[in-house]
Amino acid sequence: MQEIKAWLKHEKTLELSDLLRENFLCYVGEGDVPNPIHAYLSSNYHDLRNLSKDHPNLIAKARDRWYVPDPNREGDLEKIHLKALMKEFEEYQATRGKLKVVRTEALRAGFKQCWQEGNYTAIVDLARRLPSAIIEEDPALLMYYDNALLRTEG
């Protein structure tokens, strides 16, 4: 992404490990082996075929493997992603001074939650610590900021 200049200057670059954590799930060895891992291990390891999902050998081989979440449980994946964005937004709030490198997606998620909670001052306070170009170039952030500014001044 950096080579093709797709990142804006103020955007925080993402590590592949962060993307992996945000978009996939890791089986840590608790409970039954998830279907995607079970299917993979059963088809690629002859000694693991026809074992139940709670068999100790299967669990041992499946531990620390990443898998794509079940599309029928997309809500779970969205919750994981939102949780990570909100954690990042809270880090922005906890720091003092100007913020130069931020993730716009995290700002959108945080501003949205602050708006839903009626915490307009948090939106205004954080927006004032950002370079003005970040707010002005993103319509969602600008909308939250302008409306929060009107609510706090009125």
N, C-alpha and C. Protein backbone atom coordinates (compact mmCIF):
# COMPACT_ATOMS: atom_id res chain seq x y z
N MET A 1 0.82 -1.19 0.00
CA MET A 1 0.00 0.00 0.00
C MET A 1 0.87 1.26 0.00
N GLN A 2 1.97 1.24 0.73
CA GLN A 2 2.82 2.42 0.76
C GLN A 2 3.46 2.66 -0.60
N GLU A 3 3.79 1.58 -1.30
CA GLU A 3 4.44 1.73 -2.60
C GLU A 3 3.51 2.36 -3.62
N ILE A 4 2.23 2.07 -3.53
CA ILE A 4 1.30 2.66 -4.49
C ILE A 4 0.69 3.95 -3.97
N LYS A 5 1.17 4.39 -2.84
CA LYS A 5 0.74 5.67 -2.23
C LYS A 5 -0.76 5.71 -1.95
N ALA A 6 -1.32 4.58 -1.53
CA ALA A 6 -2.74 4.53 -1.22
C ALA A 6 -3.02 5.06 0.18
N TRP A 7 -1.99 5.16 1.02
CA TRP A 7 -2.18 5.67 2.37
C TRP A 7 -2.10 7.19 2.35
N LEU A 8 -3.00 7.82 3.05
CA LEU A 8 -2.91 9.26 3.25
C LEU A 8 -1.85 9.51 4.32
N LYS A 9 -1.31 10.72 4.35
CA LYS A 9 -0.23 11.02 5.29
C LYS A 9 -0.64 10.81 6.74
N HIS A 10 -1.89 11.15 7.06
CA HIS A 10 -2.32 11.05 8.45
C HIS A 10 -2.77 9.65 8.84
N GLU A 11 -2.90 8.74 7.85
CA GLU A 11 -3.38 7.39 8.13
C GLU A 11 -2.29 6.55 8.79
N LYS A 12 -2.68 5.83 9.80
CA LYS A 12 -1.77 4.91 10.47
C LYS A 12 -1.68 3.65 9.62
N THR A 13 -0.47 3.20 9.34
CA THR A 13 -0.31 1.99 8.55
C THR A 13 -0.64 0.78 9.42
N LEU A 14 -1.17 -0.23 8.79
CA LEU A 14 -1.57 -1.43 9.51
C LEU A 14 -0.58 -2.54 9.28
N GLU A 15 -0.32 -3.30 10.31
CA GLU A 15 0.53 -4.48 10.20
C GLU A 15 -0.34 -5.65 9.78
N LEU A 16 0.23 -6.59 9.07
CA LEU A 16 -0.53 -7.76 8.66
C LEU A 16 -1.03 -8.55 9.86
N SER A 17 -0.27 -8.58 10.93
CA SER A 17 -0.71 -9.30 12.12
C SER A 17 -1.96 -8.65 12.72
N ASP A 18 -2.05 -7.32 12.63
CA ASP A 18 -3.26 -6.64 13.11
C ASP A 18 -4.46 -6.99 12.24
N LEU A 19 -4.25 -7.01 10.94
CA LEU A 19 -5.34 -7.38 10.03
C LEU A 19 -5.78 -8.82 10.28
N LEU A 20 -4.84 -9.71 10.55
CA LEU A 20 -5.16 -11.09 10.84
C LEU A 20 -6.03 -11.19 12.09
N ARG A 21 -5.63 -10.49 13.17
CA ARG A 21 -6.40 -10.50 14.41
C ARG A 21 -7.79 -9.91 14.25
N GLU A 22 -7.92 -8.89 13.39
CA GLU A 22 -9.20 -8.22 13.23
C GLU A 22 -10.17 -8.98 12.34
N ASN A 23 -9.67 -9.77 11.40
CA ASN A 23 -10.54 -10.37 10.40
C ASN A 23 -10.65 -11.89 10.46
N PHE A 24 -9.82 -12.53 11.26
CA PHE A 24 -9.86 -13.98 11.38
C PHE A 24 -9.90 -14.33 12.85
N LEU A 25 -10.21 -15.59 13.12
CA LEU A 25 -10.26 -16.06 14.50
C LEU A 25 -9.20 -17.13 14.70
N CYS A 26 -8.67 -17.18 15.89
CA CYS A 26 -7.64 -18.17 16.22
C CYS A 26 -8.22 -19.15 17.23
N TYR A 27 -8.06 -20.42 16.95
CA TYR A 27 -8.51 -21.45 17.89
C TYR A 27 -7.42 -21.64 18.93
N VAL A 28 -7.77 -21.43 20.19
CA VAL A 28 -6.77 -21.49 21.26
C VAL A 28 -6.78 -22.81 22.01
N GLY A 29 -7.60 -23.75 21.57
CA GLY A 29 -7.61 -25.06 22.20
C GLY A 29 -8.72 -25.26 23.21
N GLU A 30 -9.64 -24.34 23.29
CA GLU A 30 -10.75 -24.46 24.23
C GLU A 30 -12.02 -24.83 23.48
N GLY A 31 -12.71 -25.82 23.98
CA GLY A 31 -13.96 -26.24 23.36
C GLY A 31 -13.71 -27.11 22.13
N ASP A 32 -14.78 -27.35 21.37
CA ASP A 32 -14.67 -28.16 20.16
C ASP A 32 -13.88 -27.43 19.09
N VAL A 33 -13.23 -28.20 18.24
CA VAL A 33 -12.47 -27.64 17.12
C VAL A 33 -13.47 -27.05 16.12
N PRO A 34 -13.28 -25.81 15.68
CA PRO A 34 -14.21 -25.20 14.72
C PRO A 34 -14.28 -25.98 13.40
N ASN A 35 -15.43 -25.90 12.74
CA ASN A 35 -15.65 -26.65 11.49
C ASN A 35 -14.58 -26.44 10.43
N PRO A 36 -14.16 -25.20 10.12
CA PRO A 36 -13.15 -25.04 9.06
C PRO A 36 -11.83 -25.75 9.38
N ILE A 37 -11.40 -25.69 10.62
CA ILE A 37 -10.15 -26.35 11.01
C ILE A 37 -10.33 -27.86 10.99
N HIS A 38 -11.47 -28.31 11.50
CA HIS A 38 -11.76 -29.75 11.52
C HIS A 38 -11.76 -30.32 10.10
N ALA A 39 -12.40 -29.62 9.18
CA ALA A 39 -12.45 -30.08 7.79
C ALA A 39 -11.06 -30.12 7.18
N TYR A 40 -10.26 -29.10 7.43
CA TYR A 40 -8.90 -29.06 6.89
C TYR A 40 -8.04 -30.20 7.44
N LEU A 41 -8.05 -30.36 8.75
CA LEU A 41 -7.21 -31.38 9.36
C LEU A 41 -7.66 -32.79 8.96
N SER A 42 -8.97 -32.99 8.88
CA SER A 42 -9.50 -34.31 8.51
C SER A 42 -9.13 -34.69 7.09
N SER A 43 -9.10 -33.70 6.22
CA SER A 43 -8.80 -34.02 4.82
C SER A 43 -7.30 -34.09 4.54
N ASN A 44 -6.47 -33.43 5.33
CA ASN A 44 -5.03 -33.38 5.04
C ASN A 44 -4.16 -34.25 5.95
N TYR A 45 -4.71 -34.74 7.04
CA TYR A 45 -3.95 -35.59 7.96
C TYR A 45 -4.73 -36.89 8.16
N HIS A 46 -4.20 -37.97 7.61
CA HIS A 46 -4.90 -39.25 7.63
C HIS A 46 -5.17 -39.74 9.05
N ASP A 47 -4.24 -39.49 9.95
CA ASP A 47 -4.41 -39.98 11.33
C ASP A 47 -5.48 -39.20 12.10
N LEU A 48 -5.95 -38.08 11.57
CA LEU A 48 -6.97 -37.29 12.26
C LEU A 48 -8.36 -37.46 11.66
N ARG A 49 -8.50 -38.33 10.68
CA ARG A 49 -9.80 -38.55 10.05
C ARG A 49 -10.73 -39.30 11.00
N ASN A 50 -12.00 -38.96 10.88
CA ASN A 50 -13.08 -39.62 11.65
C ASN A 50 -12.94 -39.44 13.16
N LEU A 51 -12.23 -38.42 13.59
CA LEU A 51 -12.15 -38.12 15.02
C LEU A 51 -13.22 -37.09 15.36
N SER A 52 -13.74 -37.17 16.58
CA SER A 52 -14.73 -36.19 17.01
C SER A 52 -14.04 -34.85 17.24
N LYS A 53 -14.81 -33.78 17.25
CA LYS A 53 -14.25 -32.42 17.39
C LYS A 53 -13.66 -32.16 18.76
N ASP A 54 -13.92 -33.04 19.72
CA ASP A 54 -13.35 -32.85 21.05
C ASP A 54 -12.25 -33.86 21.37
N HIS A 55 -11.76 -34.57 20.36
CA HIS A 55 -10.68 -35.55 20.55
C HIS A 55 -9.38 -34.82 20.88
N PRO A 56 -8.64 -35.30 21.89
CA PRO A 56 -7.40 -34.61 22.30
C PRO A 56 -6.35 -34.45 21.20
N ASN A 57 -6.19 -35.46 20.33
CA ASN A 57 -5.20 -35.36 19.25
C ASN A 57 -5.59 -34.27 18.26
N LEU A 58 -6.87 -34.19 17.94
CA LEU A 58 -7.36 -33.17 17.01
C LEU A 58 -7.22 -31.78 17.62
N ILE A 59 -7.54 -31.66 18.89
CA ILE A 59 -7.42 -30.36 19.59
C ILE A 59 -5.96 -29.92 19.60
N ALA A 60 -5.05 -30.84 19.88
CA ALA A 60 -3.62 -30.50 19.93
C ALA A 60 -3.12 -30.00 18.58
N LYS A 61 -3.55 -30.65 17.50
CA LYS A 61 -3.11 -30.26 16.15
C LYS A 61 -3.78 -28.95 15.71
N ALA A 62 -4.99 -28.69 16.19
CA ALA A 62 -5.76 -27.51 15.78
C ALA A 62 -5.35 -26.25 16.55
N ARG A 63 -4.73 -26.42 17.69
CA ARG A 63 -4.39 -25.27 18.54
C ARG A 63 -3.53 -24.26 17.79
N ASP A 64 -3.84 -22.98 17.97
CA ASP A 64 -3.12 -21.84 17.38
C ASP A 64 -3.25 -21.75 15.87
N ARG A 65 -4.28 -22.34 15.30
CA ARG A 65 -4.54 -22.20 13.87
C ARG A 65 -5.60 -21.13 13.66
N TRP A 66 -5.41 -20.35 12.62
CA TRP A 66 -6.34 -19.29 12.27
C TRP A 66 -7.35 -19.83 11.27
N TYR A 67 -8.57 -19.30 11.34
CA TYR A 67 -9.59 -19.72 10.40
C TYR A 67 -10.54 -18.57 10.08
N VAL A 68 -11.19 -18.71 8.95
CA VAL A 68 -12.17 -17.71 8.53
C VAL A 68 -13.44 -17.97 9.33
N PRO A 69 -14.00 -16.95 9.95
CA PRO A 69 -15.23 -17.15 10.72
C PRO A 69 -16.38 -17.63 9.83
N ASP A 70 -17.30 -18.29 10.44
CA ASP A 70 -18.48 -18.78 9.74
C ASP A 70 -19.26 -17.58 9.21
N PRO A 71 -19.56 -17.56 7.89
CA PRO A 71 -20.29 -16.41 7.34
C PRO A 71 -21.67 -16.22 7.97
N ASN A 72 -22.22 -17.30 8.53
CA ASN A 72 -23.51 -17.17 9.21
C ASN A 72 -23.36 -16.45 10.54
N ARG A 73 -22.15 -16.31 11.01
CA ARG A 73 -21.89 -15.61 12.27
C ARG A 73 -21.08 -14.34 12.02
N GLU A 74 -21.43 -13.66 10.94
CA GLU A 74 -20.71 -12.45 10.56
C GLU A 74 -20.81 -11.37 11.64
N GLY A 75 -21.89 -11.39 12.37
CA GLY A 75 -22.05 -10.43 13.46
C GLY A 75 -20.95 -10.54 14.48
N ASP A 76 -20.48 -11.76 14.72
CA ASP A 76 -19.38 -11.95 15.68
C ASP A 76 -18.11 -11.30 15.16
N LEU A 77 -17.83 -11.47 13.88
CA LEU A 77 -16.64 -10.87 13.30
C LEU A 77 -16.72 -9.35 13.34
N GLU A 78 -17.89 -8.80 13.07
CA GLU A 78 -18.07 -7.35 13.12
C GLU A 78 -17.86 -6.83 14.54
N LYS A 79 -18.29 -7.59 15.52
CA LYS A 79 -18.08 -7.19 16.92
C LYS A 79 -16.60 -7.16 17.27
N ILE A 80 -15.86 -8.14 16.77
CA ILE A 80 -14.42 -8.19 17.01
C ILE A 80 -13.75 -6.98 16.37
N HIS A 81 -14.15 -6.69 15.15
CA HIS A 81 -13.57 -5.56 14.42
C HIS A 81 -13.90 -4.24 15.12
N LEU A 82 -15.14 -4.07 15.52
CA LEU A 82 -15.56 -2.85 16.21
C LEU A 82 -14.84 -2.70 17.55
N LYS A 83 -14.64 -3.80 18.23
CA LYS A 83 -13.93 -3.77 19.52
C LYS A 83 -12.51 -3.27 19.33
N ALA A 84 -11.85 -3.74 18.28
CA ALA A 84 -10.48 -3.29 18.00
C ALA A 84 -10.45 -1.82 17.64
N LEU A 85 -11.43 -1.37 16.85
CA LEU A 85 -11.49 0.05 16.49
C LEU A 85 -11.74 0.93 17.71
N MET A 86 -12.62 0.49 18.58
CA MET A 86 -12.92 1.27 19.78
C MET A 86 -11.73 1.32 20.73
N LYS A 87 -10.96 0.24 20.78
CA LYS A 87 -9.75 0.24 21.62
C LYS A 87 -8.78 1.29 21.10
N GLU A 88 -8.64 1.35 19.79
CA GLU A 88 -7.75 2.35 19.19
C GLU A 88 -8.27 3.76 19.44
N PHE A 89 -9.58 3.96 19.33
CA PHE A 89 -10.18 5.27 19.58
C PHE A 89 -9.95 5.69 21.03
N GLU A 90 -10.09 4.77 21.96
CA GLU A 90 -9.84 5.08 23.37
C GLU A 90 -8.39 5.46 23.63
N GLU A 91 -7.47 4.86 22.85
CA GLU A 91 -6.06 5.24 22.96
C GLU A 91 -5.87 6.69 22.52
N TYR A 92 -6.59 7.08 21.46
CA TYR A 92 -6.51 8.47 21.00
C TYR A 92 -7.02 9.41 22.08
N GLN A 93 -8.11 9.02 22.74
CA GLN A 93 -8.68 9.87 23.78
C GLN A 93 -7.76 9.97 24.99
N ALA A 94 -7.05 8.91 25.28
CA ALA A 94 -6.18 8.88 26.47
C ALA A 94 -4.91 9.71 26.29
N THR A 95 -4.47 9.88 25.06
CA THR A 95 -3.26 10.66 24.83
C THR A 95 -3.56 12.15 24.95
N ARG A 96 -2.54 12.91 25.18
CA ARG A 96 -2.67 14.37 25.27
C ARG A 96 -1.92 15.01 24.11
N GLY A 97 -2.33 16.19 23.75
CA GLY A 97 -1.65 16.90 22.67
C GLY A 97 -2.22 16.55 21.31
N LYS A 98 -1.57 17.08 20.29
CA LYS A 98 -2.02 16.87 18.90
C LYS A 98 -1.77 15.43 18.46
N LEU A 99 -2.71 14.93 17.68
CA LEU A 99 -2.57 13.60 17.08
C LEU A 99 -2.23 13.80 15.61
N LYS A 100 -1.19 13.15 15.15
CA LYS A 100 -0.78 13.31 13.76
C LYS A 100 -1.07 12.08 12.93
N VAL A 101 -0.91 10.90 13.52
CA VAL A 101 -1.13 9.65 12.80
C VAL A 101 -2.31 8.93 13.45
N VAL A 102 -3.40 8.81 12.72
CA VAL A 102 -4.60 8.17 13.24
C VAL A 102 -5.19 7.26 12.17
N ARG A 103 -6.10 6.45 12.59
CA ARG A 103 -6.83 5.58 11.67
C ARG A 103 -8.24 6.14 11.54
N THR A 104 -8.59 6.58 10.36
CA THR A 104 -9.87 7.24 10.12
C THR A 104 -11.03 6.33 10.48
N GLU A 105 -10.90 5.05 10.19
CA GLU A 105 -11.97 4.10 10.50
C GLU A 105 -12.23 4.04 12.01
N ALA A 106 -11.18 4.13 12.81
CA ALA A 106 -11.33 4.13 14.26
C ALA A 106 -12.00 5.42 14.72
N LEU A 107 -11.65 6.53 14.09
CA LEU A 107 -12.30 7.80 14.44
C LEU A 107 -13.79 7.74 14.12
N ARG A 108 -14.14 7.20 12.96
CA ARG A 108 -15.56 7.10 12.59
C ARG A 108 -16.33 6.26 13.61
N ALA A 109 -15.77 5.11 13.97
CA ALA A 109 -16.44 4.23 14.94
C ALA A 109 -16.57 4.91 16.30
N GLY A 110 -15.52 5.57 16.74
CA GLY A 110 -15.55 6.25 18.03
C GLY A 110 -16.51 7.43 18.05
N PHE A 111 -16.49 8.24 16.99
CA PHE A 111 -17.41 9.37 16.91
C PHE A 111 -18.85 8.88 16.89
N LYS A 112 -19.10 7.79 16.18
CA LYS A 112 -20.45 7.24 16.11
C LYS A 112 -20.93 6.81 17.50
N GLN A 113 -20.06 6.12 18.24
CA GLN A 113 -20.45 5.67 19.58
C GLN A 113 -20.64 6.86 20.51
N CYS A 114 -19.76 7.84 20.44
CA CYS A 114 -19.91 9.04 21.27
C CYS A 114 -21.23 9.74 20.96
N TRP A 115 -21.57 9.79 19.68
CA TRP A 115 -22.82 10.44 19.26
C TRP A 115 -24.02 9.68 19.83
N GLN A 116 -23.99 8.37 19.76
CA GLN A 116 -25.09 7.56 20.27
C GLN A 116 -25.24 7.69 21.78
N GLU A 117 -24.13 7.91 22.47
CA GLU A 117 -24.15 8.07 23.92
C GLU A 117 -24.45 9.51 24.32
N GLY A 118 -24.48 10.41 23.36
CA GLY A 118 -24.71 11.83 23.67
C GLY A 118 -23.48 12.52 24.22
N ASN A 119 -22.32 11.96 24.02
CA ASN A 119 -21.07 12.52 24.52
C ASN A 119 -20.46 13.44 23.45
N TYR A 120 -21.10 14.57 23.23
CA TYR A 120 -20.71 15.48 22.16
C TYR A 120 -19.39 16.18 22.46
N THR A 121 -19.13 16.44 23.73
CA THR A 121 -17.87 17.12 24.08
C THR A 121 -16.66 16.25 23.74
N ALA A 122 -16.79 14.92 23.85
CA ALA A 122 -15.67 14.04 23.51
C ALA A 122 -15.34 14.15 22.02
N ILE A 123 -16.37 14.27 21.19
CA ILE A 123 -16.16 14.42 19.75
C ILE A 123 -15.43 15.73 19.46
N VAL A 124 -15.93 16.80 20.06
CA VAL A 124 -15.35 18.12 19.82
C VAL A 124 -13.91 18.19 20.33
N ASP A 125 -13.68 17.68 21.53
CA ASP A 125 -12.35 17.72 22.12
C ASP A 125 -11.33 16.95 21.28
N LEU A 126 -11.70 15.76 20.84
CA LEU A 126 -10.77 14.96 20.04
C LEU A 126 -10.57 15.58 18.66
N ALA A 127 -11.63 16.08 18.06
CA ALA A 127 -11.53 16.68 16.72
C ALA A 127 -10.60 17.90 16.74
N ARG A 128 -10.59 18.63 17.82
CA ARG A 128 -9.72 19.81 17.91
C ARG A 128 -8.25 19.44 18.03
N ARG A 129 -7.97 18.20 18.42
CA ARG A 129 -6.59 17.74 18.53
C ARG A 129 -6.08 17.11 17.25
N LEU A 130 -6.95 16.99 16.26
CA LEU A 130 -6.57 16.40 14.97
C LEU A 130 -6.23 17.50 13.97
N PRO A 131 -5.39 17.20 12.99
CA PRO A 131 -5.19 18.17 11.90
C PRO A 131 -6.53 18.42 11.21
N SER A 132 -6.80 19.67 10.87
CA SER A 132 -8.10 20.03 10.30
C SER A 132 -8.38 19.29 9.00
N ALA A 133 -7.36 18.93 8.25
CA ALA A 133 -7.56 18.23 6.98
C ALA A 133 -8.23 16.88 7.18
N ILE A 134 -7.95 16.21 8.29
CA ILE A 134 -8.54 14.89 8.54
C ILE A 134 -10.06 15.02 8.64
N ILE A 135 -10.52 15.97 9.41
CA ILE A 135 -11.96 16.17 9.58
C ILE A 135 -12.60 16.68 8.30
N GLU A 136 -11.96 17.62 7.65
CA GLU A 136 -12.54 18.25 6.46
C GLU A 136 -12.63 17.30 5.27
N GLU A 137 -11.74 16.32 5.18
CA GLU A 137 -11.71 15.42 4.03
C GLU A 137 -12.61 14.20 4.19
N ASP A 138 -13.14 13.98 5.36
CA ASP A 138 -14.01 12.83 5.58
C ASP A 138 -15.42 13.31 5.92
N PRO A 139 -16.40 13.05 5.06
CA PRO A 139 -17.75 13.57 5.29
C PRO A 139 -18.39 13.07 6.59
N ALA A 140 -18.14 11.82 6.97
CA ALA A 140 -18.74 11.29 8.19
C ALA A 140 -18.17 12.00 9.42
N LEU A 141 -16.85 12.14 9.46
CA LEU A 141 -16.23 12.82 10.60
C LEU A 141 -16.67 14.28 10.67
N LEU A 142 -16.75 14.94 9.53
CA LEU A 142 -17.18 16.33 9.48
C LEU A 142 -18.61 16.48 9.98
N MET A 143 -19.48 15.56 9.59
CA MET A 143 -20.88 15.60 10.03
C MET A 143 -20.97 15.44 11.55
N TYR A 144 -20.26 14.44 12.10
CA TYR A 144 -20.28 14.25 13.55
C TYR A 144 -19.72 15.47 14.27
N TYR A 145 -18.62 16.01 13.78
CA TYR A 145 -17.99 17.16 14.43
C TYR A 145 -18.90 18.39 14.37
N ASP A 146 -19.42 18.71 13.19
CA ASP A 146 -20.28 19.90 13.06
C ASP A 146 -21.51 19.80 13.94
N ASN A 147 -22.16 18.65 13.94
CA ASN A 147 -23.36 18.48 14.76
C ASN A 147 -23.04 18.48 16.25
N ALA A 148 -21.92 17.89 16.63
CA ALA A 148 -21.53 17.90 18.04
C ALA A 148 -21.18 19.32 18.48
N LEU A 149 -20.55 20.07 17.59
CA LEU A 149 -20.22 21.46 17.89
C LEU A 149 -21.48 22.28 18.12
N LEU A 150 -22.49 22.06 17.29
CA LEU A 150 -23.77 22.75 17.46
C LEU A 150 -24.44 22.37 18.76
N ARG A 151 -24.38 21.11 19.13
CA ARG A 151 -25.01 20.64 20.37
C ARG A 151 -24.31 21.16 21.61
N THR A 152 -22.98 21.27 21.55
CA THR A 152 -22.25 21.72 22.75
C THR A 152 -22.34 23.25 22.90
N GLU A 153 -22.44 23.97 21.79
CA GLU A 153 -22.53 25.43 21.88
C GLU A 153 -23.95 25.88 22.22
N GLY A 154 -24.92 25.08 21.84
CA GLY A 154 -26.32 25.44 22.07
C GLY A 154 -26.77 25.02 23.39
